[in-house]
C-alpha cells in the first residue's frame, strides 16, 4: 500500500493537479478572510462555510485521474497483477488524494493567528475557527471518497471530471432542489422510485449484470410501493426530510454556527467508508473481468 501511496502522491505533486488545487484553496481563503475582515467580521467559520463551494471544482480536479486515467492508458492491468488486495490499492490512492486535499487546508489554519497578530481591532476566536477547520477537513475527506468512486466508474479523464462535477453540483444544491418537490405523498414516492432507479444504474455499472440490477431495483421499488400502501400519510414530505438528513454539504452548517457536531464527523467518516467500499467493488469487478 505504501508503494501505491507514494506513486499516486508523486503523480499528483509532480504535475499541476496538486498545485492548482492548493492555489485555489489558499487564494479563495485569503480573499474571503480579507473580505470578511474588511466588513468587520472576525468569525473564521464564515470563511470556511463560504469556501465549501470550492470543492465543486477541487474534488473533480483531484480525483479525475486517479482511476479513470489508469483505465484509459491500460495501466490498471498492472494494478490488478500486484500481490496486493484491491482494498490496499484503493486505500493507497485515497490516502494520497487525502494528503493533497488536506495540505492547503492545514495552511489555512495559519490564517486566524496571523490575522489576530496583524489586526488592530477584533480577533478571530481560535477555538471555533479550528473546530470548523476540523469539520471542513472531514467534509473534504468524504467528498474525496465520492470523487474516487466516480473515477472508478469512468473510462477516461474527461468523463470522470464531468461526472464528478455534476455529482458535486447536485450534492451542493441537493436541499434547495428538493424544495421544488411537492410535499404530497405521491410526489415523495415518485422521488424515491427515481432514486431507486439511479441506484440500480450504479449497481449495474458495478456488477455489469443487468438482470441482477433490474431485479434488485424492481424489488426495491416494490418494497417502496408496499410501504406507501401501508403508511401513505407518512410519505408526505418524507423525501425532503430524508435528503435533509443525508445532504453532505448541509452537515457543515452546524460548524458555521460555532457548534462542533460530532455526529457530522461520524457521518462524514461513514460516507467515506461506504464510497471506498464501493470503489473496491468496482475495481474488483474490473480485475475479474480482466
Protein backbone atom coordinates (compact mmCIF):
# COMPACT_ATOMS: atom_id res chain seq x y z
CA UNK A 1 0.00 0.00 0.00
CA UNK A 2 2.91 2.36 0.72
CA UNK A 3 4.19 1.97 -2.83
CA UNK A 4 0.75 2.84 -4.25
CA UNK A 5 0.52 5.84 -1.92
CA UNK A 6 3.96 7.15 -2.93
CA UNK A 7 3.28 6.56 -6.63
CA UNK A 8 -0.05 8.40 -6.51
CA UNK A 9 1.32 11.25 -4.40
CA UNK A 10 4.28 11.63 -6.74
CA UNK A 11 1.88 11.81 -9.71
CA UNK A 12 -0.23 14.50 -8.03
CA UNK A 13 2.68 16.64 -6.87
CA UNK A 14 4.86 16.37 -9.97
CA UNK A 15 2.02 17.53 -12.17
CA UNK A 16 -0.16 20.61 -11.91
CA UNK A 17 -3.10 18.95 -10.17
CA UNK A 18 -1.95 19.31 -6.57
CA UNK A 19 -0.60 22.82 -7.05
CA UNK A 20 -3.70 24.11 -8.86
CA UNK A 21 -5.94 22.70 -6.14
CA UNK A 22 -3.76 24.19 -3.38
CA UNK A 23 -3.58 27.56 -5.13
CA UNK A 24 -7.39 27.69 -5.49
CA UNK A 25 -7.93 26.84 -1.84
CA UNK A 26 -5.40 29.35 -0.49
CA UNK A 27 -6.39 32.09 -2.94
CA UNK A 28 -10.07 31.97 -2.09
CA UNK A 29 -9.25 31.53 1.59
CA UNK A 30 -7.23 34.74 1.53
CA UNK A 31 -9.91 36.60 -0.42
CA UNK A 32 -12.68 35.59 1.98
CA UNK A 33 -10.60 36.32 5.08
CA UNK A 34 -9.82 39.80 3.74
CA UNK A 35 -13.40 40.45 2.62
CA UNK A 36 -14.99 39.39 5.91
CA UNK A 37 -12.38 41.25 7.95
CA UNK A 38 -12.98 44.45 5.98
CA UNK A 39 -16.68 44.09 6.72
CA UNK A 40 -15.87 43.89 10.42
CA UNK A 41 -16.48 40.16 10.84
CA UNK A 42 -13.89 38.18 12.80
CA UNK A 43 -15.57 34.75 12.51
CA UNK A 44 -13.39 32.32 10.56
CA UNK A 45 -16.26 29.82 10.40
CA UNK A 46 -18.00 32.07 7.85
CA UNK A 47 -14.88 31.92 5.69
CA UNK A 48 -14.87 28.11 5.67
CA UNK A 49 -18.62 27.96 5.08
CA UNK A 50 -18.25 30.23 2.05
CA UNK A 51 -15.35 28.14 0.77
CA UNK A 52 -17.25 24.85 0.60
CA UNK A 53 -18.21 25.63 -2.99
CA UNK A 54 -14.52 25.26 -3.99
CA UNK A 55 -14.94 21.51 -3.55
CA UNK A 56 -17.21 21.56 -6.61
CA UNK A 57 -14.11 22.25 -8.71
CA UNK A 58 -11.37 20.96 -6.42
CA UNK A 59 -12.64 17.39 -5.93
CA UNK A 60 -13.12 16.64 -9.66
CA UNK A 61 -9.69 18.18 -10.30
CA UNK A 62 -8.06 15.96 -7.68
CA UNK A 63 -9.80 12.67 -8.38
CA UNK A 64 -10.42 12.67 -12.14
CA UNK A 65 -7.09 10.96 -12.99
CA UNK A 66 -6.86 8.58 -10.05
CA UNK A 67 -8.51 5.55 -11.68
CA UNK A 68 -10.05 6.75 -14.96
CA UNK A 69 -6.65 7.58 -16.45
CA UNK A 70 -5.34 4.18 -15.39
CA UNK A 71 -8.15 2.60 -17.37
CA UNK A 72 -7.67 4.87 -20.37
CA UNK A 73 -3.94 4.10 -20.58
CA UNK A 74 -4.48 0.41 -19.69
CA UNK A 75 -2.06 0.71 -16.78
CA UNK A 76 -4.81 -0.57 -14.48
CA UNK A 77 -3.77 -4.06 -15.63
CA UNK A 78 -0.54 -3.55 -13.70
CA UNK A 79 -2.53 -2.77 -10.55
CA UNK A 80 -4.54 -5.96 -10.92
CA UNK A 81 -1.36 -8.02 -11.21
CA UNK A 82 0.14 -6.65 -7.99
CA UNK A 83 0.31 -9.02 -4.98
CA UNK A 84 -1.94 -6.65 -3.06
CA UNK A 85 -5.59 -6.74 -2.17
CA UNK A 86 -7.76 -4.27 -4.01
CA UNK A 87 -8.62 -2.71 -0.66
CA UNK A 88 -4.97 -1.78 -0.11
CA UNK A 89 -4.66 -0.36 -3.62
CA UNK A 90 -7.77 1.80 -3.22
CA UNK A 91 -6.68 2.94 0.26
CA UNK A 92 -3.24 3.87 -1.08
CA UNK A 93 -4.80 6.03 -3.79
CA UNK A 94 -7.30 7.55 -1.37
CA UNK A 95 -4.67 8.44 1.24
CA UNK A 96 -2.56 10.17 -1.43
CA UNK A 97 -5.58 12.19 -2.57
CA UNK A 98 -6.46 12.96 1.06
CA UNK A 99 -2.90 14.18 1.71
CA UNK A 100 -3.03 16.62 -1.20
CA UNK A 101 -6.52 17.72 -0.15
CA UNK A 102 -5.53 18.34 3.49
CA UNK A 103 -2.22 20.21 2.99
CA UNK A 104 -3.70 23.56 1.83
CA UNK A 105 -6.44 23.25 4.46
CA UNK A 106 -3.78 22.96 7.15
CA UNK A 107 -2.08 26.05 5.74
CA UNK A 108 -5.46 27.80 6.04
CA UNK A 109 -5.17 27.07 9.74
CA UNK A 110 -2.37 29.64 9.91
CA UNK A 111 -4.71 32.44 8.81
CA UNK A 112 -6.51 33.01 12.16
CA UNK A 113 -3.36 33.56 14.31
CA UNK A 114 -1.79 35.69 11.56
CA UNK A 115 -4.92 37.86 11.34
CA UNK A 116 -5.02 38.12 15.14
CA UNK A 117 -1.39 39.23 15.19
CA UNK A 118 -1.87 41.87 12.50
CA UNK A 119 -5.37 43.12 13.28
CA UNK A 120 -5.64 46.44 15.08
CA UNK A 121 -9.06 45.58 16.45
CA UNK A 122 -11.04 42.36 16.75
CA UNK A 123 -9.61 38.89 16.89
CA UNK A 124 -10.72 35.56 15.46
CA UNK A 125 -11.88 33.10 18.16
CA UNK A 126 -9.39 30.27 17.68
CA UNK A 127 -11.49 27.57 19.34
CA UNK A 128 -14.42 27.95 16.95
CA UNK A 129 -12.06 28.52 13.99
CA UNK A 130 -10.18 25.25 14.47
CA UNK A 131 -13.38 23.34 15.30
CA UNK A 132 -14.80 24.43 11.95
CA UNK A 133 -11.49 23.60 10.26
CA UNK A 134 -11.78 20.01 11.52
CA UNK A 135 -15.29 19.79 10.08
CA UNK A 136 -14.01 21.24 6.80
CA UNK A 137 -11.31 18.55 6.61
CA UNK A 138 -13.79 15.73 7.18
CA UNK A 139 -16.17 17.20 4.60
CA UNK A 140 -13.29 17.16 2.11
CA UNK A 141 -12.39 13.57 3.02
CA UNK A 142 -15.97 12.40 2.40
CA UNK A 143 -16.17 14.21 -0.93
CA UNK A 144 -12.77 12.83 -1.98
CA UNK A 145 -14.05 9.27 -1.44
CA UNK A 146 -17.11 10.08 -3.58
CA UNK A 147 -14.89 11.53 -6.31
CA UNK A 148 -12.65 8.44 -6.26
CA UNK A 149 -15.70 6.22 -6.69
CA UNK A 150 -16.94 8.27 -9.65
CA UNK A 151 -13.48 7.99 -11.23
CA UNK A 152 -13.60 4.20 -10.83
CA UNK A 153 -16.76 4.07 -12.96
CA UNK A 154 -15.39 6.09 -15.89
CA UNK A 155 -13.19 5.13 -18.82
CA UNK A 156 -11.39 8.44 -19.40
CA UNK A 157 -10.38 11.58 -17.54
CA UNK A 158 -12.80 13.94 -19.26
CA UNK A 159 -15.83 11.82 -18.39
CA UNK A 160 -14.59 11.38 -14.83
CA UNK A 161 -14.13 15.14 -14.34
CA UNK A 162 -17.51 15.98 -15.88
CA UNK A 163 -19.41 13.29 -13.98
CA UNK A 164 -17.74 14.21 -10.68
CA UNK A 165 -18.54 17.90 -11.18
CA UNK A 166 -22.20 17.05 -11.81
CA UNK A 167 -22.29 14.86 -8.70
CA UNK A 168 -20.70 17.60 -6.57
CA UNK A 169 -23.10 20.19 -8.02
CA UNK A 170 -26.12 18.02 -7.21
CA UNK A 171 -24.84 17.38 -3.69
CA UNK A 172 -24.22 21.09 -3.14
CA UNK A 173 -27.73 22.10 -4.24
CA UNK A 174 -29.47 18.94 -3.04
CA UNK A 175 -31.59 20.54 -0.35
CA UNK A 176 -32.74 23.53 -2.48
CA UNK A 177 -33.57 21.12 -5.32
CA UNK A 178 -35.80 19.02 -3.06
CA UNK A 179 -37.70 22.21 -2.24
CA UNK A 180 -39.21 22.00 -5.72
CA UNK A 181 -40.72 18.60 -4.93
CA UNK A 182 -44.27 18.70 -3.66
CA UNK A 183 -44.94 17.63 -0.08
CA UNK A 184 -47.64 15.24 -1.28
CA UNK A 185 -47.16 11.52 -0.55
CA UNK A 186 -47.31 10.65 -4.27
CA UNK A 187 -44.51 13.12 -5.07
CA UNK A 188 -42.29 11.62 -2.37
CA UNK A 189 -42.98 8.12 -3.66
CA UNK A 190 -42.06 9.18 -7.20
CA UNK A 191 -38.83 10.76 -5.97
CA UNK A 192 -37.90 7.62 -4.01
CA UNK A 193 -38.59 5.47 -7.08
CA UNK A 194 -36.36 7.69 -9.23
CA UNK A 195 -33.63 7.44 -6.60
CA UNK A 196 -34.01 3.64 -6.62
CA UNK A 197 -33.64 3.67 -10.43
CA UNK A 198 -30.41 5.70 -10.15
CA UNK A 199 -29.14 3.24 -7.55
CA UNK A 200 -29.98 0.41 -9.96
CA UNK A 201 -27.91 2.05 -12.70
CA UNK A 202 -24.95 2.38 -10.32
CA UNK A 203 -25.40 -1.27 -9.32
CA UNK A 204 -25.34 -2.26 -12.99
CA UNK A 205 -22.15 -0.27 -13.52
CA UNK A 206 -20.59 -2.04 -10.56
CA UNK A 207 -21.64 -5.58 -11.45
CA UNK A 208 -22.19 -5.40 -15.21
CA UNK A 209 -25.09 -7.76 -14.52
CA UNK A 210 -28.16 -6.11 -15.99
CA UNK A 211 -30.52 -8.86 -14.85
CA UNK A 212 -29.42 -8.67 -11.22
CA UNK A 213 -29.58 -4.86 -11.21
CA UNK A 214 -33.05 -4.92 -12.77
CA UNK A 215 -34.40 -7.49 -10.31
CA UNK A 216 -32.89 -5.66 -7.34
CA UNK A 217 -34.32 -2.31 -8.48
CA UNK A 218 -37.74 -3.85 -9.12
CA UNK A 219 -37.71 -5.43 -5.64
CA UNK A 220 -36.70 -2.11 -4.07
CA UNK A 221 -39.46 -0.23 -5.85
CA UNK A 222 -41.98 -2.95 -4.94
CA UNK A 223 -40.95 -2.53 -1.29
CA UNK A 224 -41.45 1.23 -1.63
CA UNK A 225 -44.89 0.61 -3.11
CA UNK A 226 -45.82 -1.71 -0.22
CA UNK A 227 -44.65 0.84 2.35
CA UNK A 228 -46.61 3.54 0.54
CA UNK A 229 -49.77 1.43 0.65
CA UNK A 230 -49.35 0.81 4.38
CA UNK A 231 -48.20 4.27 5.51
CA UNK A 232 -49.39 6.65 2.79
CA UNK A 233 -49.72 9.72 5.02
CA UNK A 234 -46.20 9.26 6.40
CA UNK A 235 -44.80 9.74 2.90
CA UNK A 236 -45.88 13.39 2.86
CA UNK A 237 -42.64 15.42 2.71
CA UNK A 238 -40.63 12.30 3.61
CA UNK A 239 -38.24 12.53 0.67
CA UNK A 240 -37.20 16.10 1.55
CA UNK A 241 -36.80 15.07 5.19
CA UNK A 242 -34.53 12.14 4.32
CA UNK A 243 -32.47 14.21 1.89
CA UNK A 244 -32.07 16.93 4.53
CA UNK A 245 -30.53 14.40 6.91
CA UNK A 246 -28.24 12.89 4.27
CA UNK A 247 -27.09 16.08 2.45
CA UNK A 248 -23.30 16.11 2.74
CA UNK A 249 -22.74 19.85 2.41
CA UNK A 250 -25.61 20.75 4.74
CA UNK A 251 -23.93 18.81 7.53
CA UNK A 252 -21.28 21.51 7.66
CA UNK A 253 -23.88 24.14 8.64
CA UNK A 254 -23.56 23.33 12.33
CA UNK A 255 -19.82 24.14 12.24
CA UNK A 256 -20.59 27.53 10.69
CA UNK A 257 -22.81 28.24 13.71
CA UNK A 258 -19.89 27.61 16.09
CA UNK A 259 -21.09 24.11 17.02
CA UNK A 260 -18.65 21.21 16.95
CA UNK A 261 -21.03 18.49 15.73
CA UNK A 262 -19.52 15.09 16.47
CA UNK A 263 -22.44 13.38 14.70
CA UNK A 264 -21.48 15.13 11.48
CA UNK A 265 -17.89 13.90 11.85
CA UNK A 266 -19.16 10.34 12.26
CA UNK A 267 -21.42 10.85 9.25
CA UNK A 268 -18.52 12.04 7.08
CA UNK A 269 -16.42 9.04 8.14
CA UNK A 270 -19.33 6.73 7.29
CA UNK A 271 -19.80 8.33 3.85
CA UNK A 272 -16.07 7.96 3.11
CA UNK A 273 -16.12 4.31 4.23
CA UNK A 274 -19.17 3.46 2.09
CA UNK A 275 -17.77 5.02 -1.08
CA UNK A 276 -14.34 3.47 -0.55
CA UNK A 277 -16.06 0.11 -0.23
CA UNK A 278 -17.96 0.76 -3.47
CA UNK A 279 -14.71 1.77 -5.18
CA UNK A 280 -13.11 -1.51 -4.08
CA UNK A 281 -16.07 -3.44 -5.51
CA UNK A 282 -15.83 -1.51 -8.78
CA UNK A 283 -12.11 -2.30 -9.05
CA UNK A 284 -12.65 -5.94 -8.10
CA UNK A 285 -15.17 -6.31 -10.92
CA UNK A 286 -12.67 -4.92 -13.38
CA UNK A 287 -9.95 -7.22 -12.04
CA UNK A 288 -12.03 -10.36 -12.58
CA UNK A 289 -13.23 -9.11 -15.95
CA UNK A 290 -9.60 -8.58 -16.98
